[in-house]
N, C-alpha and C. Protein backbone atom coordinates (compact mmCIF):
# COMPACT_ATOMS: atom_id res chain seq x y z
N MET A 1 9.26 -13.84 58.49
CA MET A 1 8.57 -14.30 57.30
C MET A 1 8.93 -13.45 56.09
N ALA A 2 8.99 -12.13 56.30
CA ALA A 2 9.34 -11.23 55.19
C ALA A 2 10.75 -11.51 54.70
N ARG A 3 11.64 -11.82 55.62
CA ARG A 3 13.02 -12.14 55.25
C ARG A 3 13.07 -13.41 54.40
N LEU A 4 12.29 -14.40 54.78
CA LEU A 4 12.23 -15.65 54.03
C LEU A 4 11.68 -15.41 52.62
N LEU A 5 10.65 -14.59 52.51
CA LEU A 5 10.08 -14.27 51.19
C LEU A 5 11.09 -13.53 50.32
N ARG A 6 11.82 -12.58 50.90
CA ARG A 6 12.84 -11.86 50.13
C ARG A 6 13.93 -12.81 49.65
N TYR A 7 14.34 -13.73 50.52
CA TYR A 7 15.36 -14.71 50.15
C TYR A 7 14.84 -15.60 49.01
N PHE A 8 13.61 -16.08 49.13
CA PHE A 8 13.04 -16.93 48.09
C PHE A 8 12.91 -16.17 46.77
N GLN A 9 12.48 -14.92 46.84
CA GLN A 9 12.37 -14.10 45.63
C GLN A 9 13.74 -13.88 45.01
N SER A 10 14.76 -13.69 45.83
CA SER A 10 16.12 -13.53 45.32
C SER A 10 16.59 -14.80 44.62
N MET A 11 16.32 -15.95 45.22
CA MET A 11 16.71 -17.23 44.61
C MET A 11 15.93 -17.47 43.32
N ALA A 12 14.62 -17.19 43.34
CA ALA A 12 13.76 -17.43 42.19
C ALA A 12 14.11 -16.54 41.01
N SER A 13 14.83 -15.45 41.26
CA SER A 13 15.22 -14.54 40.18
C SER A 13 16.45 -15.02 39.43
N LYS A 14 17.16 -15.97 39.98
CA LYS A 14 18.41 -16.44 39.37
C LYS A 14 18.13 -17.33 38.15
N PRO A 15 18.95 -17.20 37.11
CA PRO A 15 18.76 -18.02 35.90
C PRO A 15 18.81 -19.53 36.17
N ILE A 16 19.64 -19.98 37.10
CA ILE A 16 19.73 -21.41 37.39
C ILE A 16 18.42 -21.94 37.98
N PHE A 17 17.75 -21.10 38.75
CA PHE A 17 16.44 -21.45 39.30
C PHE A 17 15.44 -21.65 38.17
N GLY A 18 15.42 -20.69 37.23
CA GLY A 18 14.50 -20.78 36.09
C GLY A 18 14.81 -21.96 35.20
N ALA A 19 16.11 -22.21 34.96
CA ALA A 19 16.50 -23.34 34.10
C ALA A 19 16.10 -24.67 34.74
N THR A 20 16.32 -24.79 36.04
CA THR A 20 15.94 -26.02 36.74
C THR A 20 14.43 -26.21 36.70
N ALA A 21 13.69 -25.15 36.96
CA ALA A 21 12.22 -25.23 36.93
C ALA A 21 11.73 -25.59 35.53
N LEU A 22 12.37 -25.04 34.50
CA LEU A 22 11.99 -25.36 33.12
C LEU A 22 12.22 -26.83 32.81
N ILE A 23 13.37 -27.35 33.21
CA ILE A 23 13.68 -28.76 32.96
C ILE A 23 12.68 -29.67 33.67
N VAL A 24 12.43 -29.40 34.94
CA VAL A 24 11.46 -30.21 35.70
C VAL A 24 10.09 -30.14 35.04
N THR A 25 9.68 -28.95 34.64
CA THR A 25 8.36 -28.75 34.02
C THR A 25 8.24 -29.54 32.73
N VAL A 26 9.23 -29.43 31.86
CA VAL A 26 9.16 -30.10 30.56
C VAL A 26 9.20 -31.61 30.73
N VAL A 27 10.12 -32.11 31.55
CA VAL A 27 10.23 -33.56 31.75
C VAL A 27 8.93 -34.13 32.32
N LEU A 28 8.39 -33.47 33.34
CA LEU A 28 7.15 -33.97 33.95
C LEU A 28 5.96 -33.81 33.03
N MET A 29 5.96 -32.78 32.20
CA MET A 29 4.87 -32.59 31.24
C MET A 29 4.84 -33.77 30.26
N VAL A 30 6.01 -34.19 29.80
CA VAL A 30 6.10 -35.32 28.88
C VAL A 30 5.67 -36.61 29.58
N ILE A 31 6.17 -36.83 30.79
CA ILE A 31 5.81 -38.04 31.55
C ILE A 31 4.30 -38.09 31.79
N LEU A 32 3.73 -36.99 32.28
CA LEU A 32 2.29 -36.97 32.56
C LEU A 32 1.47 -37.10 31.29
N GLY A 33 1.94 -36.49 30.20
CA GLY A 33 1.23 -36.60 28.93
C GLY A 33 1.18 -38.03 28.43
N CYS A 34 2.31 -38.71 28.50
CA CYS A 34 2.36 -40.12 28.06
C CYS A 34 1.55 -41.01 28.99
N GLN A 35 1.74 -40.81 30.28
CA GLN A 35 1.05 -41.63 31.28
C GLN A 35 -0.46 -41.46 31.21
N GLY A 36 -0.92 -40.27 30.92
CA GLY A 36 -2.35 -39.99 30.94
C GLY A 36 -3.11 -40.38 29.69
N GLN A 37 -2.41 -40.78 28.63
CA GLN A 37 -3.08 -41.11 27.38
C GLN A 37 -4.16 -42.18 27.57
N GLU A 38 -3.89 -43.13 28.41
CA GLU A 38 -4.83 -44.24 28.57
C GLU A 38 -6.09 -43.86 29.36
N LEU A 39 -6.15 -42.64 29.88
CA LEU A 39 -7.32 -42.22 30.65
C LEU A 39 -8.44 -41.68 29.77
N ALA A 40 -8.19 -41.51 28.48
CA ALA A 40 -9.22 -40.97 27.59
C ALA A 40 -10.32 -42.01 27.37
N THR A 41 -11.55 -41.62 27.70
CA THR A 41 -12.74 -42.44 27.45
C THR A 41 -13.82 -41.50 26.91
N SER A 42 -14.96 -42.06 26.56
CA SER A 42 -16.04 -41.21 26.06
C SER A 42 -16.53 -40.24 27.15
N HIS A 43 -16.42 -40.62 28.42
CA HIS A 43 -16.83 -39.74 29.52
C HIS A 43 -15.68 -38.87 30.02
N ALA A 44 -14.44 -39.19 29.60
CA ALA A 44 -13.27 -38.42 30.00
C ALA A 44 -12.41 -38.12 28.77
N PRO A 45 -12.96 -37.35 27.81
CA PRO A 45 -12.20 -37.08 26.59
C PRO A 45 -10.92 -36.27 26.84
N SER A 46 -10.90 -35.50 27.92
CA SER A 46 -9.72 -34.71 28.26
C SER A 46 -8.91 -35.38 29.37
N ARG A 47 -9.10 -36.68 29.53
CA ARG A 47 -8.38 -37.50 30.51
C ARG A 47 -8.58 -36.96 31.93
N ILE A 48 -7.53 -36.76 32.69
CA ILE A 48 -7.67 -36.35 34.09
C ILE A 48 -8.29 -34.95 34.20
N VAL A 49 -8.08 -34.12 33.18
CA VAL A 49 -8.68 -32.77 33.20
C VAL A 49 -10.20 -32.86 33.21
N SER A 50 -10.74 -33.91 32.61
CA SER A 50 -12.20 -34.10 32.64
C SER A 50 -12.69 -34.22 34.08
N LEU A 51 -11.93 -34.93 34.92
CA LEU A 51 -12.31 -35.07 36.33
C LEU A 51 -12.05 -33.77 37.09
N GLU A 52 -10.97 -33.08 36.74
CA GLU A 52 -10.68 -31.80 37.39
C GLU A 52 -11.84 -30.83 37.20
N LEU A 53 -12.46 -30.86 36.04
CA LEU A 53 -13.52 -29.90 35.70
C LEU A 53 -14.88 -30.59 35.59
N ALA A 54 -15.11 -31.58 36.42
CA ALA A 54 -16.39 -32.31 36.39
C ALA A 54 -17.54 -31.44 36.91
N TRP A 55 -17.31 -30.63 37.90
CA TRP A 55 -18.24 -29.68 38.49
C TRP A 55 -19.38 -30.30 39.30
N SER A 56 -19.68 -31.56 39.11
CA SER A 56 -20.79 -32.17 39.87
C SER A 56 -20.44 -33.61 40.24
N GLN A 57 -21.11 -34.09 41.27
CA GLN A 57 -20.90 -35.46 41.71
C GLN A 57 -21.27 -36.44 40.61
N ALA A 58 -22.37 -36.20 39.92
CA ALA A 58 -22.82 -37.12 38.86
C ALA A 58 -21.80 -37.21 37.74
N ALA A 59 -21.27 -36.07 37.31
CA ALA A 59 -20.27 -36.06 36.24
C ALA A 59 -18.99 -36.76 36.69
N ALA A 60 -18.56 -36.48 37.91
CA ALA A 60 -17.34 -37.11 38.44
C ALA A 60 -17.51 -38.62 38.54
N GLU A 61 -18.68 -39.07 39.01
CA GLU A 61 -18.94 -40.51 39.10
C GLU A 61 -18.91 -41.17 37.72
N GLN A 62 -19.49 -40.50 36.74
CA GLN A 62 -19.48 -41.03 35.36
C GLN A 62 -18.06 -41.20 34.86
N ILE A 63 -17.23 -40.22 35.10
CA ILE A 63 -15.84 -40.26 34.64
C ILE A 63 -15.10 -41.41 35.33
N ILE A 64 -15.20 -41.48 36.64
CA ILE A 64 -14.48 -42.51 37.39
C ILE A 64 -14.98 -43.90 37.01
N GLU A 65 -16.29 -44.05 36.83
CA GLU A 65 -16.85 -45.35 36.44
C GLU A 65 -16.47 -45.74 35.02
N SER A 66 -16.08 -44.78 34.19
CA SER A 66 -15.68 -45.10 32.82
C SER A 66 -14.26 -45.67 32.76
N TRP A 67 -13.53 -45.58 33.87
CA TRP A 67 -12.17 -46.10 33.93
C TRP A 67 -12.15 -47.50 34.50
N ALA A 68 -11.43 -48.39 33.83
CA ALA A 68 -11.19 -49.75 34.34
C ALA A 68 -10.28 -49.63 35.57
N PRO A 69 -10.18 -50.69 36.39
CA PRO A 69 -9.35 -50.61 37.60
C PRO A 69 -7.90 -50.17 37.33
N GLU A 70 -7.30 -50.65 36.22
CA GLU A 70 -5.92 -50.23 35.94
C GLU A 70 -5.87 -48.75 35.51
N GLN A 71 -6.92 -48.26 34.87
CA GLN A 71 -6.98 -46.84 34.52
C GLN A 71 -7.16 -45.99 35.78
N LEU A 72 -7.94 -46.49 36.71
CA LEU A 72 -8.13 -45.78 37.98
C LEU A 72 -6.80 -45.65 38.72
N GLN A 73 -6.00 -46.72 38.71
CA GLN A 73 -4.68 -46.65 39.34
C GLN A 73 -3.77 -45.68 38.60
N THR A 74 -3.89 -45.64 37.28
CA THR A 74 -3.12 -44.67 36.49
C THR A 74 -3.51 -43.25 36.86
N ALA A 75 -4.80 -43.02 37.04
CA ALA A 75 -5.27 -41.69 37.42
C ALA A 75 -4.71 -41.29 38.79
N ILE A 76 -4.69 -42.21 39.72
CA ILE A 76 -4.12 -41.93 41.05
C ILE A 76 -2.64 -41.62 40.93
N ASN A 77 -1.93 -42.46 40.17
CA ASN A 77 -0.49 -42.21 39.96
C ASN A 77 -0.26 -40.86 39.29
N GLN A 78 -1.12 -40.54 38.34
CA GLN A 78 -1.01 -39.27 37.61
C GLN A 78 -1.11 -38.09 38.59
N VAL A 79 -2.06 -38.15 39.49
CA VAL A 79 -2.24 -37.06 40.46
C VAL A 79 -1.05 -36.99 41.41
N LEU A 80 -0.54 -38.13 41.84
CA LEU A 80 0.60 -38.13 42.75
C LEU A 80 1.86 -37.56 42.08
N VAL A 81 2.12 -37.95 40.85
CA VAL A 81 3.28 -37.42 40.11
C VAL A 81 3.08 -35.94 39.82
N ASP A 82 1.83 -35.53 39.68
CA ASP A 82 1.52 -34.13 39.38
C ASP A 82 2.06 -33.18 40.45
N PHE A 83 2.21 -33.65 41.69
CA PHE A 83 2.74 -32.78 42.74
C PHE A 83 4.16 -32.32 42.40
N ILE A 84 4.95 -33.16 41.76
CA ILE A 84 6.30 -32.76 41.34
C ILE A 84 6.19 -31.74 40.20
N PHE A 85 5.28 -32.01 39.27
CA PHE A 85 5.06 -31.08 38.16
C PHE A 85 4.63 -29.71 38.68
N ILE A 86 3.79 -29.70 39.70
CA ILE A 86 3.32 -28.44 40.29
C ILE A 86 4.51 -27.63 40.80
N ALA A 87 5.42 -28.29 41.49
CA ALA A 87 6.60 -27.58 42.00
C ALA A 87 7.38 -26.96 40.85
N GLY A 88 7.54 -27.72 39.76
CA GLY A 88 8.28 -27.22 38.62
C GLY A 88 7.61 -26.04 37.94
N TYR A 89 6.34 -26.20 37.55
CA TYR A 89 5.72 -25.13 36.77
C TYR A 89 5.43 -23.88 37.60
N SER A 90 5.09 -24.04 38.88
CA SER A 90 4.81 -22.85 39.69
C SER A 90 6.08 -22.05 39.93
N CYS A 91 7.21 -22.74 40.11
CA CYS A 91 8.49 -22.04 40.24
C CYS A 91 8.90 -21.40 38.91
N LEU A 92 8.61 -22.07 37.80
CA LEU A 92 8.91 -21.50 36.49
C LEU A 92 8.09 -20.22 36.24
N LEU A 93 6.80 -20.26 36.57
CA LEU A 93 5.96 -19.07 36.39
C LEU A 93 6.43 -17.92 37.28
N LEU A 94 6.83 -18.24 38.50
CA LEU A 94 7.37 -17.21 39.40
C LEU A 94 8.63 -16.62 38.78
N HIS A 95 9.54 -17.46 38.33
CA HIS A 95 10.78 -16.98 37.71
C HIS A 95 10.48 -16.10 36.49
N MET A 96 9.55 -16.53 35.65
CA MET A 96 9.21 -15.75 34.45
C MET A 96 8.72 -14.35 34.83
N GLY A 97 7.85 -14.28 35.83
CA GLY A 97 7.34 -12.98 36.26
C GLY A 97 8.42 -12.09 36.84
N LEU A 98 9.26 -12.67 37.69
CA LEU A 98 10.33 -11.89 38.30
C LEU A 98 11.36 -11.45 37.26
N ALA A 99 11.71 -12.36 36.35
CA ALA A 99 12.71 -12.04 35.32
C ALA A 99 12.20 -10.97 34.36
N SER A 100 10.95 -11.09 33.93
CA SER A 100 10.42 -10.08 33.00
C SER A 100 10.24 -8.75 33.72
N GLY A 101 9.89 -8.77 34.99
CA GLY A 101 9.79 -7.54 35.77
C GLY A 101 11.15 -6.86 35.93
N ARG A 102 12.17 -7.66 36.20
CA ARG A 102 13.52 -7.11 36.33
C ARG A 102 13.99 -6.52 35.00
N ARG A 103 13.68 -7.21 33.91
CA ARG A 103 14.06 -6.72 32.58
C ARG A 103 13.33 -5.40 32.26
N ALA A 104 12.05 -5.35 32.60
CA ALA A 104 11.28 -4.12 32.36
C ALA A 104 11.87 -2.96 33.17
N GLN A 105 12.21 -3.22 34.41
CA GLN A 105 12.80 -2.19 35.27
C GLN A 105 14.10 -1.68 34.67
N ALA A 106 14.92 -2.58 34.18
CA ALA A 106 16.21 -2.21 33.59
C ALA A 106 16.05 -1.41 32.30
N ARG A 107 14.92 -1.59 31.61
CA ARG A 107 14.67 -0.89 30.35
C ARG A 107 13.85 0.38 30.53
N GLY A 108 13.65 0.78 31.78
CA GLY A 108 12.94 2.02 32.05
C GLY A 108 11.42 1.89 32.04
N LEU A 109 10.92 0.67 32.06
CA LEU A 109 9.47 0.45 32.09
C LEU A 109 9.05 0.09 33.52
N SER A 110 9.35 1.00 34.43
CA SER A 110 9.15 0.71 35.85
C SER A 110 7.69 0.48 36.23
N ALA A 111 6.76 0.99 35.46
CA ALA A 111 5.34 0.75 35.77
C ALA A 111 4.95 -0.70 35.49
N LEU A 112 5.63 -1.34 34.54
CA LEU A 112 5.30 -2.73 34.20
C LEU A 112 5.97 -3.75 35.13
N ALA A 113 7.06 -3.37 35.75
CA ALA A 113 7.82 -4.31 36.58
C ALA A 113 6.97 -4.94 37.69
N PRO A 114 6.26 -4.14 38.51
CA PRO A 114 5.47 -4.76 39.57
C PRO A 114 4.31 -5.60 39.04
N VAL A 115 3.79 -5.25 37.86
CA VAL A 115 2.71 -6.04 37.26
C VAL A 115 3.23 -7.44 36.92
N ALA A 116 4.43 -7.49 36.32
CA ALA A 116 5.02 -8.78 35.96
C ALA A 116 5.36 -9.58 37.21
N GLN A 117 5.89 -8.91 38.23
CA GLN A 117 6.23 -9.61 39.47
C GLN A 117 4.97 -10.17 40.14
N ALA A 118 3.91 -9.38 40.15
CA ALA A 118 2.65 -9.86 40.74
C ALA A 118 2.11 -11.06 39.95
N ALA A 119 2.21 -11.00 38.63
CA ALA A 119 1.76 -12.14 37.81
C ALA A 119 2.60 -13.37 38.11
N GLY A 120 3.90 -13.18 38.32
CA GLY A 120 4.77 -14.31 38.68
C GLY A 120 4.35 -14.94 40.00
N TRP A 121 4.07 -14.10 40.99
CA TRP A 121 3.60 -14.62 42.27
C TRP A 121 2.23 -15.28 42.12
N GLY A 122 1.40 -14.74 41.22
CA GLY A 122 0.12 -15.39 40.93
C GLY A 122 0.32 -16.76 40.31
N GLY A 123 1.32 -16.88 39.43
CA GLY A 123 1.65 -18.18 38.84
C GLY A 123 2.11 -19.16 39.90
N PHE A 124 2.87 -18.65 40.88
CA PHE A 124 3.29 -19.50 42.00
C PHE A 124 2.06 -19.92 42.81
N GLY A 125 1.14 -18.97 42.98
CA GLY A 125 -0.11 -19.28 43.68
C GLY A 125 -0.95 -20.32 42.95
N ALA A 126 -0.83 -20.37 41.62
CA ALA A 126 -1.54 -21.39 40.85
C ALA A 126 -1.17 -22.78 41.34
N GLY A 127 0.10 -22.93 41.72
CA GLY A 127 0.55 -24.22 42.26
C GLY A 127 -0.16 -24.57 43.56
N MET A 128 -0.43 -23.57 44.38
CA MET A 128 -1.15 -23.82 45.63
C MET A 128 -2.58 -24.32 45.35
N PHE A 129 -3.23 -23.67 44.39
CA PHE A 129 -4.58 -24.10 44.03
C PHE A 129 -4.55 -25.48 43.38
N ASP A 130 -3.48 -25.76 42.63
CA ASP A 130 -3.34 -27.08 42.01
C ASP A 130 -3.19 -28.16 43.08
N CYS A 131 -2.47 -27.87 44.15
CA CYS A 131 -2.35 -28.83 45.25
C CYS A 131 -3.71 -29.10 45.89
N LEU A 132 -4.48 -28.03 46.12
CA LEU A 132 -5.83 -28.21 46.68
C LEU A 132 -6.70 -29.04 45.73
N GLU A 133 -6.57 -28.76 44.43
CA GLU A 133 -7.29 -29.54 43.43
C GLU A 133 -6.89 -31.01 43.50
N ASN A 134 -5.59 -31.27 43.63
CA ASN A 134 -5.12 -32.66 43.70
C ASN A 134 -5.65 -33.39 44.93
N PHE A 135 -5.74 -32.68 46.05
CA PHE A 135 -6.31 -33.31 47.25
C PHE A 135 -7.76 -33.72 46.99
N GLY A 136 -8.50 -32.87 46.28
CA GLY A 136 -9.87 -33.20 45.92
C GLY A 136 -9.94 -34.38 44.97
N LEU A 137 -9.05 -34.40 43.99
CA LEU A 137 -9.02 -35.53 43.04
C LEU A 137 -8.72 -36.84 43.77
N LEU A 138 -7.72 -36.81 44.64
CA LEU A 138 -7.37 -38.03 45.38
C LEU A 138 -8.51 -38.49 46.27
N ALA A 139 -9.19 -37.56 46.90
CA ALA A 139 -10.34 -37.93 47.74
C ALA A 139 -11.42 -38.61 46.90
N MET A 140 -11.66 -38.08 45.69
CA MET A 140 -12.67 -38.69 44.82
C MET A 140 -12.21 -40.05 44.29
N LEU A 141 -10.93 -40.17 43.99
CA LEU A 141 -10.42 -41.42 43.43
C LEU A 141 -10.27 -42.51 44.49
N TRP A 142 -9.89 -42.14 45.70
CA TRP A 142 -9.69 -43.11 46.76
C TRP A 142 -10.99 -43.48 47.46
N SER A 143 -11.95 -42.58 47.43
CA SER A 143 -13.21 -42.82 48.12
C SER A 143 -14.32 -42.79 47.09
N ARG A 144 -15.06 -41.73 47.11
CA ARG A 144 -16.08 -41.52 46.09
C ARG A 144 -16.37 -40.03 46.00
N PRO A 145 -16.80 -39.57 44.84
CA PRO A 145 -17.10 -38.15 44.69
C PRO A 145 -18.32 -37.73 45.51
N THR A 146 -18.28 -36.52 45.99
CA THR A 146 -19.44 -35.90 46.60
C THR A 146 -19.67 -34.60 45.84
N GLU A 147 -20.81 -34.01 46.05
CA GLU A 147 -21.10 -32.75 45.37
C GLU A 147 -20.08 -31.68 45.76
N LEU A 148 -19.77 -31.58 47.06
CA LEU A 148 -18.81 -30.59 47.54
C LEU A 148 -17.41 -30.84 46.98
N LEU A 149 -16.97 -32.09 46.96
CA LEU A 149 -15.64 -32.41 46.43
C LEU A 149 -15.54 -32.06 44.95
N ALA A 150 -16.52 -32.47 44.17
CA ALA A 150 -16.49 -32.21 42.73
C ALA A 150 -16.50 -30.71 42.45
N LEU A 151 -17.36 -29.98 43.15
CA LEU A 151 -17.46 -28.53 42.94
C LEU A 151 -16.18 -27.82 43.37
N SER A 152 -15.69 -28.10 44.58
CA SER A 152 -14.50 -27.40 45.06
C SER A 152 -13.27 -27.75 44.23
N THR A 153 -13.16 -28.99 43.79
CA THR A 153 -12.03 -29.39 42.93
C THR A 153 -12.07 -28.61 41.63
N SER A 154 -13.24 -28.45 41.05
CA SER A 154 -13.37 -27.71 39.80
C SER A 154 -13.10 -26.22 39.98
N VAL A 155 -13.52 -25.67 41.12
CA VAL A 155 -13.23 -24.26 41.41
C VAL A 155 -11.71 -24.06 41.54
N PHE A 156 -11.05 -24.94 42.30
CA PHE A 156 -9.59 -24.84 42.46
C PHE A 156 -8.89 -24.96 41.11
N ALA A 157 -9.36 -25.89 40.26
CA ALA A 157 -8.76 -26.08 38.94
C ALA A 157 -8.93 -24.83 38.08
N THR A 158 -10.11 -24.24 38.13
CA THR A 158 -10.38 -23.04 37.33
C THR A 158 -9.51 -21.87 37.76
N VAL A 159 -9.38 -21.67 39.07
CA VAL A 159 -8.52 -20.60 39.58
C VAL A 159 -7.07 -20.87 39.18
N LYS A 160 -6.65 -22.13 39.29
CA LYS A 160 -5.29 -22.51 38.89
C LYS A 160 -5.03 -22.14 37.44
N PHE A 161 -5.93 -22.56 36.56
CA PHE A 161 -5.76 -22.27 35.13
C PHE A 161 -5.72 -20.76 34.87
N ALA A 162 -6.60 -20.01 35.54
CA ALA A 162 -6.65 -18.56 35.33
C ALA A 162 -5.34 -17.90 35.78
N LEU A 163 -4.84 -18.29 36.95
CA LEU A 163 -3.60 -17.70 37.44
C LEU A 163 -2.41 -18.06 36.56
N ALA A 164 -2.35 -19.31 36.13
CA ALA A 164 -1.23 -19.76 35.28
C ALA A 164 -1.26 -19.07 33.93
N ILE A 165 -2.43 -18.99 33.32
CA ILE A 165 -2.55 -18.33 32.01
C ILE A 165 -2.21 -16.85 32.14
N ASN A 166 -2.69 -16.21 33.20
CA ASN A 166 -2.38 -14.81 33.44
C ASN A 166 -0.87 -14.61 33.60
N ALA A 167 -0.22 -15.47 34.37
CA ALA A 167 1.23 -15.34 34.59
C ALA A 167 1.99 -15.44 33.27
N ILE A 168 1.60 -16.39 32.44
CA ILE A 168 2.27 -16.56 31.14
C ILE A 168 2.02 -15.34 30.26
N PHE A 169 0.77 -14.92 30.16
CA PHE A 169 0.39 -13.80 29.30
C PHE A 169 1.08 -12.50 29.72
N VAL A 170 1.00 -12.18 31.01
CA VAL A 170 1.58 -10.93 31.49
C VAL A 170 3.10 -10.96 31.37
N SER A 171 3.73 -12.06 31.79
CA SER A 171 5.19 -12.16 31.70
C SER A 171 5.67 -12.02 30.27
N ALA A 172 4.99 -12.68 29.34
CA ALA A 172 5.37 -12.60 27.93
C ALA A 172 5.19 -11.18 27.40
N ASN A 173 4.08 -10.55 27.72
CA ASN A 173 3.84 -9.18 27.25
C ASN A 173 4.84 -8.19 27.81
N VAL A 174 5.16 -8.32 29.08
CA VAL A 174 6.14 -7.42 29.68
C VAL A 174 7.52 -7.68 29.08
N TYR A 175 7.85 -8.93 28.87
CA TYR A 175 9.14 -9.26 28.25
C TYR A 175 9.24 -8.63 26.86
N PHE A 176 8.21 -8.81 26.03
CA PHE A 176 8.24 -8.26 24.68
C PHE A 176 8.20 -6.73 24.68
N ALA A 177 7.49 -6.14 25.63
CA ALA A 177 7.48 -4.68 25.73
C ALA A 177 8.88 -4.17 26.06
N SER A 178 9.59 -4.88 26.91
CA SER A 178 10.95 -4.45 27.25
C SER A 178 11.90 -4.68 26.08
N ARG A 179 11.66 -5.71 25.28
CA ARG A 179 12.48 -5.95 24.07
C ARG A 179 12.24 -4.83 23.05
N ILE A 180 11.00 -4.48 22.85
CA ILE A 180 10.67 -3.41 21.91
C ILE A 180 11.29 -2.10 22.38
N SER A 181 11.20 -1.83 23.67
CA SER A 181 11.79 -0.61 24.24
C SER A 181 13.30 -0.59 23.99
N ALA A 182 13.96 -1.73 24.19
CA ALA A 182 15.41 -1.80 23.97
C ALA A 182 15.74 -1.60 22.50
N LEU A 183 14.95 -2.17 21.61
CA LEU A 183 15.18 -2.01 20.17
C LEU A 183 14.98 -0.57 19.73
N GLN A 184 13.95 0.07 20.28
CA GLN A 184 13.69 1.48 19.93
C GLN A 184 14.83 2.37 20.41
N ARG A 185 15.36 2.08 21.57
CA ARG A 185 16.46 2.88 22.09
C ARG A 185 17.73 2.68 21.27
N SER A 186 17.96 1.46 20.84
CA SER A 186 19.19 1.20 20.08
C SER A 186 19.11 1.76 18.66
N SER A 187 17.91 1.90 18.13
CA SER A 187 17.78 2.42 16.76
C SER A 187 17.49 3.92 16.71
N ALA A 188 17.34 4.53 17.87
CA ALA A 188 17.07 5.97 17.92
C ALA A 188 18.33 6.72 17.49
N PRO A 189 18.15 7.80 16.72
CA PRO A 189 19.32 8.58 16.30
C PRO A 189 19.99 9.22 17.50
N THR A 190 21.31 9.21 17.48
CA THR A 190 22.05 9.81 18.57
C THR A 190 22.36 11.26 18.25
N LYS A 191 22.38 12.07 19.30
CA LYS A 191 22.68 13.48 19.11
C LYS A 191 24.19 13.65 19.07
N SER A 192 24.67 14.43 18.07
CA SER A 192 26.10 14.66 18.01
C SER A 192 26.46 16.08 18.29
């Protein structure tokens, strides 16, 4: 298992991995954004995110009942397509963390490198929570919401958002810290 993780981390560190993940993420973000526009109602102002963060059976039922049958099918399709988006963005967040950690290490900021790498793995973990969230959404859309489904789906969504935001924030900060370090070194007076 450790060997497999090392191999995956090695692959995820490569620029082609990051570029592919970025392309998949952006393309799917546009597709999901366009597809989800029709889900906005007075009970679902944030479209599918409203159902992700319903928190209760009553709120989830209100959201689902506010959708016409064709909107309900769009919501189901949205969740199914989201699995591809999850693969893209979670791999992108992992790549960002690993790349910024590697950059920090190369610039002598070795204390920041493991922080960035951990944030990258946390971003990858966000995808796992997003999958659990999607299973909850599909169960509510295909059957009916329950208190446990609505609550657990919202908890998974909240953890997903927290991990993803943390991965972006930490990776960006470590990247910029390493850029500043490189600029300071290049502008430092040399001893003659």
